[in-house]
Each structure stands twice: as C-alpha cells, then as structure tokens.
Amino acid sequence: MTTDENKAVIEIGLLVYRGAQTAAVHGLTDLFAVANRIASEQQSAQLPLLRISHWSASSPDAAPQRTFDSLPGTSSRLGAVVIPPSLYDMPTAEEAQALAKWIRHCHGQGATLGSICLGAFLLAGTGLLDGRTVTTHWTHAEELSEQFPKLKVDADKPIIDDGDIITTAGMMAWAEIGLRLVDRLLGPSIATRTARFLMVEHSDSAQECGSNFAPILAHGDTAVLKVQHWLQGNGAVDVSLAAMAHCAGLEERTFLRRFRAATGLKPTEYCQHVRVGKAREMLEFTNGTVDHIAWTVGYQDPGAFRSAFKKITNLSPSEYRSKFGVKPKTAAAAS
C-alpha cells in the first residue's frame, strides 16, 4: 500500500495483552516514529513509511483489533508483529489461545514475529517455535522449556534472529528488537541514527557488513512462504531442491521460478543466507570454533563455509568475531 506521497507503507503491530509492559509498547511506538522522521529527512521515495498500530482483544475469546493507528484510514497488511514482555500477569489459557490463533494467522500472511522477554511464552503457544532455538528472560528459561518441550531455550543469548521470528531475552530489549526491525525495513544507517538519537546501544555489525538476513515474506505466494518458514525452522540444514519443491507441493522447475520471483534469490542462495545468519549469531555470542560453527549451520566443508561467509559479510568468520563478538570479562572487570 502507498500513501498520497507515493511512499510504500509497512505496518508494525504491537500486541497489547493483559499484563503487557506499557513502557515497551509506548517506547517502540516512539522509536518507530523517530525512525520515520529520520528516514523522511533523506527525502527518498525508496524508503517506506512505517505504520505503527496497537492491537488488543475486547474479550478473552476475541481476535485482537487495532486500538491505535499512526496512519488511520490507510490499508496495509502487517509486516511485523511484536509481542511485548509481561510485568506481572500473563493471559489466561482462553485469552492465550485466541491470541495464538491471531499470531499464527499474521505469520501465515508473511508477518515477521518478535517477542520480548516473557512474550516468548505467548509466541511459544502458537507452536511456531517448535524445533527452534529461542531466548527469554533467564528467570523463566527453565519454565519455558518445561512448558514447551519441543523448543530449545538458550537464555544466554540476548537475541536470536531466525529471519521470520526474533526472540529477545531482556525486559528492556524492546529497543534492540525495534532497531533490528528498523534495520530491516529502513536500512542500517537509519537504525544507527535512530539509536544515536535515542542514546541506546545498537550493534554496528549491520552497518559494516550488511543487515542480518531479512527474507521477503509479504510476497503473497503461500507455497513459497511455506518453504521459507520450513527453512527458517530447520536452519536450511540438509535440504535439497527436491525436498523444497515437495514442501511447496510444486514441480521443481515451477518451484525454482516461483521461489526466485517471490524472494529475489535462488533457493541455494537463500539457504546460504539463512546459514550465514545463524553463523553470525554464533560468532557474536558463543566461543565455538569456526569449524564447529560451520558444521552446526550445515557446512561439511569449513572452506566452503568461510567462502560463503565472506561473500555475504565481506569479512572472514574470525574477523567478524574479532569485531563483533561479545568480549569475555576480565578478572578485574568481573570483581
């Protein structure tokens, strides 16, 4: 959808449920408004306009509806849905079931999903996290694992970006997930300037070597979207063209044509981006060897992994870790 100024509009929905942290909802609303203002200063028709909306349900079994809209009267499809953390109460089972149905629908329509802190519980209730590695607040990591045994919880990672689903650990991580979405939708320079204006920390890895992989999801081809979700869920490990075509329910040649038309990438290129995206995360937040990371993300040949990584990021894996990896605390700093 476009505005009168002929700018594309991308809607970001913030889910306001009972017990949701209002600071996160209003903070994200302001963050996206600042990003819009900074983007408008570029006077570029190529940069979209972010439409910020709040969604809440009028009754426990009702689907959420817009209760706030920064661009009322505009027609658009949700490009992203963010689930804020909870301060105290979580929704009842009936409320959670209705919210999960709505979240699944948004995801099925191509929306990127994000959760902050305990918002991971609502997201896990959709079943979309099954088989994936996610993060949440360390005080509730064990509870999340017990309640949803099909997912792997790694609370040591502050953020896990799975392409179509992003989870964050800290209660105040709403700024980082907001900047991650600004990076995807408006570009790394706008995200960096937004962070600087708000005086919050933001990794400069996207600025120096390209944004984390942000797949095109709102293309409307449901067969291709099904494959994208499948690839994000399994990390694009041990997949073949035949398996992807089978997942889409298409003949291989038809699948190849439609996949490239929808995503802008060949399936092999897409899988490379998924794997390198996961490797970037591991290089930033873990101390595993490069060879082990290569094997973990699906490369049997470490040389091929290094080549693909440098092609996408312009850095070798070790250079990337040296620049952006979390530095271990020294004895003096820890004391």
Protein backbone atom coordinates (compact mmCIF):
# COMPACT_ATOMS: atom_id res chain seq x y z
CA MET A 1 0.00 0.00 0.00
CA THR A 2 1.22 3.56 -0.66
CA THR A 3 0.45 6.94 0.85
CA ASP A 4 -0.53 10.09 -1.03
CA GLU A 5 3.18 10.86 -1.31
CA ASN A 6 3.61 7.58 -3.17
CA LYS A 7 5.65 6.01 -0.39
CA ALA A 8 5.28 2.32 0.40
CA VAL A 9 3.74 1.62 3.80
CA ILE A 10 4.84 -1.22 6.09
CA GLU A 11 2.75 -1.83 9.20
CA ILE A 12 4.24 -2.92 12.51
CA GLY A 13 1.67 -4.21 15.01
CA LEU A 14 2.30 -4.16 18.76
CA LEU A 15 0.22 -6.71 20.67
CA VAL A 16 -1.25 -5.18 23.82
CA TYR A 17 -2.45 -8.03 26.06
CA ARG A 18 -3.40 -8.11 29.72
CA GLY A 19 -0.22 -7.64 31.75
CA ALA A 20 1.86 -6.34 28.84
CA GLN A 21 4.58 -3.85 29.71
CA THR A 22 3.28 -0.44 28.65
CA ALA A 23 6.81 1.00 28.58
CA ALA A 24 7.69 -1.41 25.77
CA VAL A 25 4.52 -0.61 23.80
CA HIS A 26 4.92 3.15 24.02
CA GLY A 27 8.72 3.01 23.76
CA LEU A 28 8.51 1.08 20.49
CA THR A 29 5.82 3.45 19.22
CA ASP A 30 8.18 6.37 19.82
CA LEU A 31 11.20 4.52 18.41
CA PHE A 32 9.46 3.80 15.12
CA ALA A 33 8.18 7.40 14.98
CA VAL A 34 11.76 8.67 15.38
CA ALA A 35 12.94 6.27 12.65
CA ASN A 36 10.19 7.55 10.35
CA ARG A 37 11.27 11.14 10.95
CA ILE A 38 14.95 10.37 10.32
CA ALA A 39 14.04 8.42 7.16
CA SER A 40 11.90 11.32 5.90
CA GLU A 41 14.94 13.61 6.14
CA GLN A 42 16.56 11.53 3.39
CA GLN A 43 13.79 12.62 1.00
CA SER A 44 13.99 9.25 -0.72
CA ALA A 45 10.97 7.69 -2.37
CA GLN A 46 12.67 4.31 -1.93
CA LEU A 47 12.32 4.34 1.86
CA PRO A 48 8.94 3.06 3.09
CA LEU A 49 6.84 4.71 5.77
CA LEU A 50 6.32 2.71 8.94
CA ARG A 51 2.74 2.47 10.13
CA ILE A 52 2.58 1.72 13.87
CA SER A 53 -0.52 0.06 15.29
CA HIS A 54 -1.58 -1.33 18.66
CA TRP A 55 -3.73 -4.45 18.79
CA SER A 56 -5.81 -5.73 21.71
CA ALA A 57 -8.80 -8.02 22.22
CA SER A 58 -12.13 -6.77 23.57
CA SER A 59 -12.93 -10.13 25.18
CA PRO A 60 -10.97 -13.28 26.14
CA ASP A 61 -12.03 -15.27 23.09
CA ALA A 62 -11.92 -12.41 20.56
CA ALA A 63 -9.23 -11.74 17.98
CA PRO A 64 -7.22 -8.54 18.55
CA GLN A 65 -8.29 -5.38 16.76
CA ARG A 66 -6.48 -2.08 16.19
CA THR A 67 -6.82 0.30 19.14
CA PHE A 68 -4.19 2.78 17.95
CA ASP A 69 -3.09 3.60 14.42
CA SER A 70 -0.44 6.11 13.38
CA LEU A 71 -1.92 6.20 9.86
CA PRO A 72 -5.70 5.83 10.28
CA GLY A 73 -7.59 5.20 7.10
CA THR A 74 -4.63 3.52 5.44
CA SER A 75 -4.99 -0.03 4.16
CA SER A 76 -1.99 -2.30 4.72
CA ARG A 77 -1.05 -5.82 5.76
CA LEU A 78 1.02 -6.42 8.87
CA GLY A 79 4.70 -6.73 8.01
CA ALA A 80 5.72 -7.43 11.60
CA VAL A 81 4.08 -8.24 14.93
CA VAL A 82 5.91 -7.60 18.22
CA ILE A 83 4.86 -9.24 21.50
CA PRO A 84 5.95 -7.11 24.49
CA PRO A 85 7.10 -8.56 27.81
CA SER A 86 4.79 -9.12 30.74
CA LEU A 87 5.42 -7.40 34.05
CA TYR A 88 3.08 -9.44 36.23
CA ASP A 89 0.10 -11.36 34.88
CA MET A 90 0.04 -13.47 31.75
CA PRO A 91 -3.13 -14.01 29.71
CA THR A 92 -5.48 -16.81 30.76
CA ALA A 93 -5.49 -20.04 28.75
CA GLU A 94 -8.59 -18.85 26.86
CA GLU A 95 -7.00 -15.48 26.07
CA ALA A 96 -3.70 -17.07 25.07
CA GLN A 97 -5.47 -19.46 22.69
CA ALA A 98 -7.27 -16.62 20.89
CA LEU A 99 -4.05 -14.57 20.69
CA ALA A 100 -2.10 -17.58 19.39
CA LYS A 101 -4.63 -18.08 16.60
CA TRP A 102 -4.25 -14.43 15.55
CA ILE A 103 -0.43 -14.57 15.74
CA ARG A 104 -0.37 -17.73 13.59
CA HIS A 105 -2.61 -16.03 11.03
CA CYS A 106 -0.32 -12.99 10.84
CA HIS A 107 2.72 -15.23 10.41
CA GLY A 108 0.93 -17.22 7.72
CA GLN A 109 0.29 -13.95 5.88
CA GLY A 110 4.02 -13.16 5.86
CA ALA A 111 4.49 -11.09 9.03
CA THR A 112 7.80 -11.28 10.90
CA LEU A 113 7.21 -12.12 14.56
CA GLY A 114 9.15 -10.78 17.52
CA SER A 115 8.92 -11.44 21.25
CA ILE A 116 10.50 -9.61 24.16
CA CYS A 117 11.38 -11.38 27.40
CA LEU A 118 8.29 -13.28 28.70
CA GLY A 119 6.46 -12.54 25.46
CA ALA A 120 8.14 -15.76 24.32
CA PHE A 121 5.51 -17.71 26.27
CA LEU A 122 2.71 -16.30 24.10
CA LEU A 123 4.76 -16.92 20.96
CA ALA A 124 5.60 -20.48 22.02
CA GLY A 125 1.90 -21.16 22.49
CA THR A 126 1.40 -20.80 18.75
CA GLY A 127 3.56 -23.87 18.02
CA LEU A 128 5.63 -21.81 15.59
CA LEU A 129 8.72 -22.11 17.79
CA ASP A 130 8.68 -25.93 17.86
CA GLY A 131 12.09 -27.25 16.86
CA ARG A 132 13.71 -23.81 17.07
CA THR A 133 16.19 -22.26 19.48
CA VAL A 134 14.74 -19.26 21.32
CA THR A 135 15.67 -16.96 24.17
CA THR A 136 13.79 -15.42 27.08
CA HIS A 137 14.49 -13.92 30.49
CA TRP A 138 16.88 -16.14 32.47
CA THR A 139 14.49 -16.34 35.45
CA HIS A 140 11.87 -18.11 33.32
CA ALA A 141 14.03 -20.12 30.92
CA GLU A 142 13.51 -23.42 32.75
CA GLU A 143 9.77 -22.83 32.98
CA LEU A 144 9.56 -22.11 29.24
CA SER A 145 11.49 -25.33 28.49
CA GLU A 146 9.22 -27.40 30.72
CA GLN A 147 6.02 -25.87 29.38
CA PHE A 148 7.10 -26.16 25.74
CA PRO A 149 9.47 -29.15 25.46
CA LYS A 150 9.60 -29.04 21.63
CA LEU A 151 11.73 -25.90 21.60
CA LYS A 152 15.27 -25.27 22.83
CA VAL A 153 15.78 -22.35 25.20
CA ASP A 154 19.12 -20.56 25.26
CA ALA A 155 18.77 -17.70 27.76
CA ASP A 156 22.47 -16.85 27.46
CA LYS A 157 21.83 -15.20 24.10
CA PRO A 158 20.34 -11.70 24.32
CA ILE A 159 18.71 -12.01 20.88
CA ILE A 160 18.07 -14.85 18.46
CA ASP A 161 17.16 -13.74 14.96
CA ASP A 162 15.66 -16.59 12.96
CA GLY A 163 14.66 -14.49 9.99
CA ASP A 164 10.91 -14.75 10.27
CA ILE A 165 10.93 -14.94 14.10
CA ILE A 166 13.06 -12.90 16.52
CA THR A 167 13.21 -13.55 20.27
CA THR A 168 14.96 -11.40 22.87
CA ALA A 169 15.85 -12.11 26.49
CA GLY A 170 15.81 -8.85 28.44
CA MET A 171 12.76 -6.97 29.66
CA MET A 172 14.27 -3.78 28.25
CA ALA A 173 15.24 -5.44 24.96
CA TRP A 174 12.36 -3.72 23.20
CA ALA A 175 14.83 -1.09 21.94
CA GLU A 176 17.08 -3.70 20.31
CA ILE A 177 14.24 -5.57 18.61
CA GLY A 178 12.82 -2.25 17.42
CA LEU A 179 16.18 -1.22 15.97
CA ARG A 180 16.53 -4.67 14.37
CA LEU A 181 13.23 -4.10 12.55
CA VAL A 182 14.23 -0.55 11.56
CA ASP A 183 17.48 -2.00 10.19
CA ARG A 184 15.49 -4.46 8.08
CA LEU A 185 12.84 -2.08 6.84
CA LEU A 186 14.69 1.23 6.53
CA GLY A 187 18.33 0.16 6.42
CA PRO A 188 21.28 0.04 8.83
CA SER A 189 22.15 3.73 8.59
CA ILE A 190 18.64 4.75 9.70
CA ALA A 191 18.82 2.21 12.56
CA THR A 192 22.20 3.57 13.68
CA ARG A 193 20.99 7.18 13.59
CA THR A 194 17.80 6.23 15.47
CA ALA A 195 19.88 4.54 18.17
CA ARG A 196 22.16 7.56 18.39
CA PHE A 197 19.19 9.94 18.73
CA LEU A 198 17.64 7.80 21.48
CA MET A 199 21.08 7.23 23.07
CA VAL A 200 20.67 3.45 23.23
CA GLU A 201 23.19 0.77 22.32
CA HIS A 202 22.95 -0.94 18.95
CA SER A 203 25.35 -3.35 17.30
CA ASP A 204 27.11 -1.78 14.33
CA SER A 205 27.64 -5.14 12.59
CA ALA A 206 24.80 -4.41 10.17
CA GLN A 207 26.28 -1.03 9.31
CA GLU A 208 29.69 -2.50 8.49
CA CYS A 209 28.86 -5.79 6.80
CA GLY A 210 25.19 -5.74 5.87
CA SER A 211 21.99 -6.33 7.77
CA ASN A 212 21.19 -9.71 9.22
CA PHE A 213 19.23 -11.75 6.70
CA ALA A 214 15.72 -10.34 6.41
CA PRO A 215 13.79 -12.57 3.99
CA ILE A 216 10.98 -11.14 1.87
CA LEU A 217 7.84 -12.70 3.35
CA ALA A 218 4.96 -10.48 2.24
CA HIS A 219 5.01 -11.58 -1.41
CA GLY A 220 1.68 -13.42 -1.33
CA ASP A 221 2.88 -16.79 -2.69
CA THR A 222 1.70 -19.17 0.04
CA ALA A 223 3.55 -22.19 -1.40
CA VAL A 224 6.88 -20.35 -1.33
CA LEU A 225 6.13 -18.87 2.11
CA LYS A 226 5.57 -22.37 3.45
CA VAL A 227 9.06 -23.36 2.27
CA GLN A 228 10.60 -20.20 3.75
CA HIS A 229 9.09 -20.94 7.16
CA TRP A 230 10.33 -24.52 6.88
CA LEU A 231 13.87 -23.40 6.02
CA GLN A 232 13.97 -20.88 8.84
CA GLY A 233 12.74 -23.53 11.25
CA ASN A 234 15.36 -26.14 10.34
CA GLY A 235 18.17 -23.69 9.62
CA ALA A 236 18.31 -24.78 5.95
CA VAL A 237 20.42 -27.76 7.06
CA ASP A 238 20.35 -30.96 4.99
CA VAL A 239 17.82 -29.66 2.48
CA SER A 240 17.63 -30.30 -1.24
CA LEU A 241 15.81 -28.78 -4.18
CA ALA A 242 13.60 -31.87 -4.35
CA ALA A 243 12.71 -31.55 -0.65
CA MET A 244 11.89 -27.85 -1.02
CA ALA A 245 9.73 -28.45 -4.09
CA HIS A 246 7.95 -31.27 -2.24
CA CYS A 247 7.31 -28.96 0.73
CA ALA A 248 5.81 -26.39 -1.66
CA GLY A 249 3.77 -29.02 -3.47
CA LEU A 250 5.24 -27.92 -6.80
CA GLU A 251 7.23 -29.43 -9.65
CA GLU A 252 10.92 -28.49 -9.33
CA ARG A 253 11.11 -26.15 -12.32
CA THR A 254 7.92 -24.37 -11.28
CA PHE A 255 9.20 -24.10 -7.72
CA LEU A 256 12.52 -22.60 -8.86
CA ARG A 257 10.75 -19.97 -10.95
CA ARG A 258 8.24 -19.00 -8.26
CA PHE A 259 10.78 -19.04 -5.43
CA ARG A 260 13.09 -16.61 -7.22
CA ALA A 261 10.22 -14.39 -8.28
CA ALA A 262 8.93 -14.20 -4.69
CA THR A 263 12.19 -13.91 -2.74
CA GLY A 264 14.63 -12.44 -5.27
CA LEU A 265 17.04 -15.30 -4.58
CA LYS A 266 17.72 -18.79 -5.90
CA PRO A 267 16.93 -21.48 -3.30
CA THR A 268 20.67 -22.23 -2.89
CA GLU A 269 21.43 -18.53 -2.29
CA TYR A 270 18.56 -18.30 0.18
CA CYS A 271 19.88 -21.28 2.15
CA GLN A 272 23.34 -19.69 2.25
CA HIS A 273 21.89 -16.52 3.75
CA VAL A 274 19.96 -18.49 6.38
CA ARG A 275 23.07 -20.45 7.39
CA VAL A 276 25.37 -17.43 7.44
CA GLY A 277 22.80 -15.53 9.51
CA LYS A 278 22.87 -18.25 12.15
CA ALA A 279 26.67 -18.34 11.99
CA ARG A 280 26.87 -14.59 12.60
CA GLU A 281 24.82 -15.03 15.73
CA MET A 282 27.03 -17.85 16.98
CA LEU A 283 30.20 -15.87 16.25
CA GLU A 284 28.82 -12.91 18.20
CA PHE A 285 27.57 -14.77 21.26
CA THR A 286 29.46 -18.09 21.57
CA ASN A 287 33.11 -19.15 21.65
CA GLY A 288 32.82 -22.26 19.47
CA THR A 289 35.48 -22.82 16.85
CA VAL A 290 34.84 -21.67 13.31
CA ASP A 291 34.95 -25.27 12.08
CA HIS A 292 32.37 -26.33 14.69
CA ILE A 293 30.11 -23.41 13.76
CA ALA A 294 30.45 -24.33 10.09
CA TRP A 295 29.33 -27.88 10.84
CA THR A 296 26.50 -26.70 13.11
CA VAL A 297 24.96 -24.46 10.44
CA GLY A 298 25.14 -27.17 7.79
CA TYR A 299 28.54 -26.96 6.06
CA GLN A 300 30.56 -30.17 5.85
CA ASP A 301 33.46 -28.26 4.29
CA PRO A 302 34.76 -25.41 6.53
CA GLY A 303 36.45 -23.88 3.48
CA ALA A 304 33.11 -23.59 1.68
CA PHE A 305 31.62 -22.02 4.81
CA ARG A 306 34.40 -19.43 5.04
CA SER A 307 33.96 -18.58 1.37
CA ALA A 308 30.17 -18.17 1.66
CA PHE A 309 30.52 -16.16 4.88
CA LYS A 310 32.99 -13.70 3.36
CA LYS A 311 30.93 -13.36 0.19
CA ILE A 312 27.90 -12.26 2.23
CA THR A 313 29.55 -10.21 5.00
CA ASN A 314 32.85 -9.11 3.39
CA LEU A 315 34.63 -10.44 6.49
CA SER A 316 36.12 -13.80 7.35
CA PRO A 317 34.45 -15.58 10.30
CA SER A 318 37.42 -14.81 12.58
CA GLU A 319 37.46 -11.15 11.53
CA TYR A 320 33.73 -10.94 12.20
CA ARG A 321 34.14 -12.43 15.69
CA SER A 322 37.05 -10.11 16.46
CA LYS A 323 34.94 -7.06 15.54
CA PHE A 324 31.51 -8.01 16.88
CA GLY A 325 31.89 -10.93 19.28
CA VAL A 326 30.98 -10.41 22.92
CA LYS A 327 34.28 -9.84 24.70
CA PRO A 328 34.90 -12.06 27.76
CA LYS A 329 35.03 -10.16 31.03
CA THR A 330 38.46 -9.74 32.56
CA ALA A 331 39.10 -10.71 36.17
CA ALA A 332 39.33 -7.04 37.10
CA ALA A 333 36.04 -6.19 35.40
CA ALA A 334 34.27 -9.12 36.99
CA SER A 335 35.43 -8.25 40.51
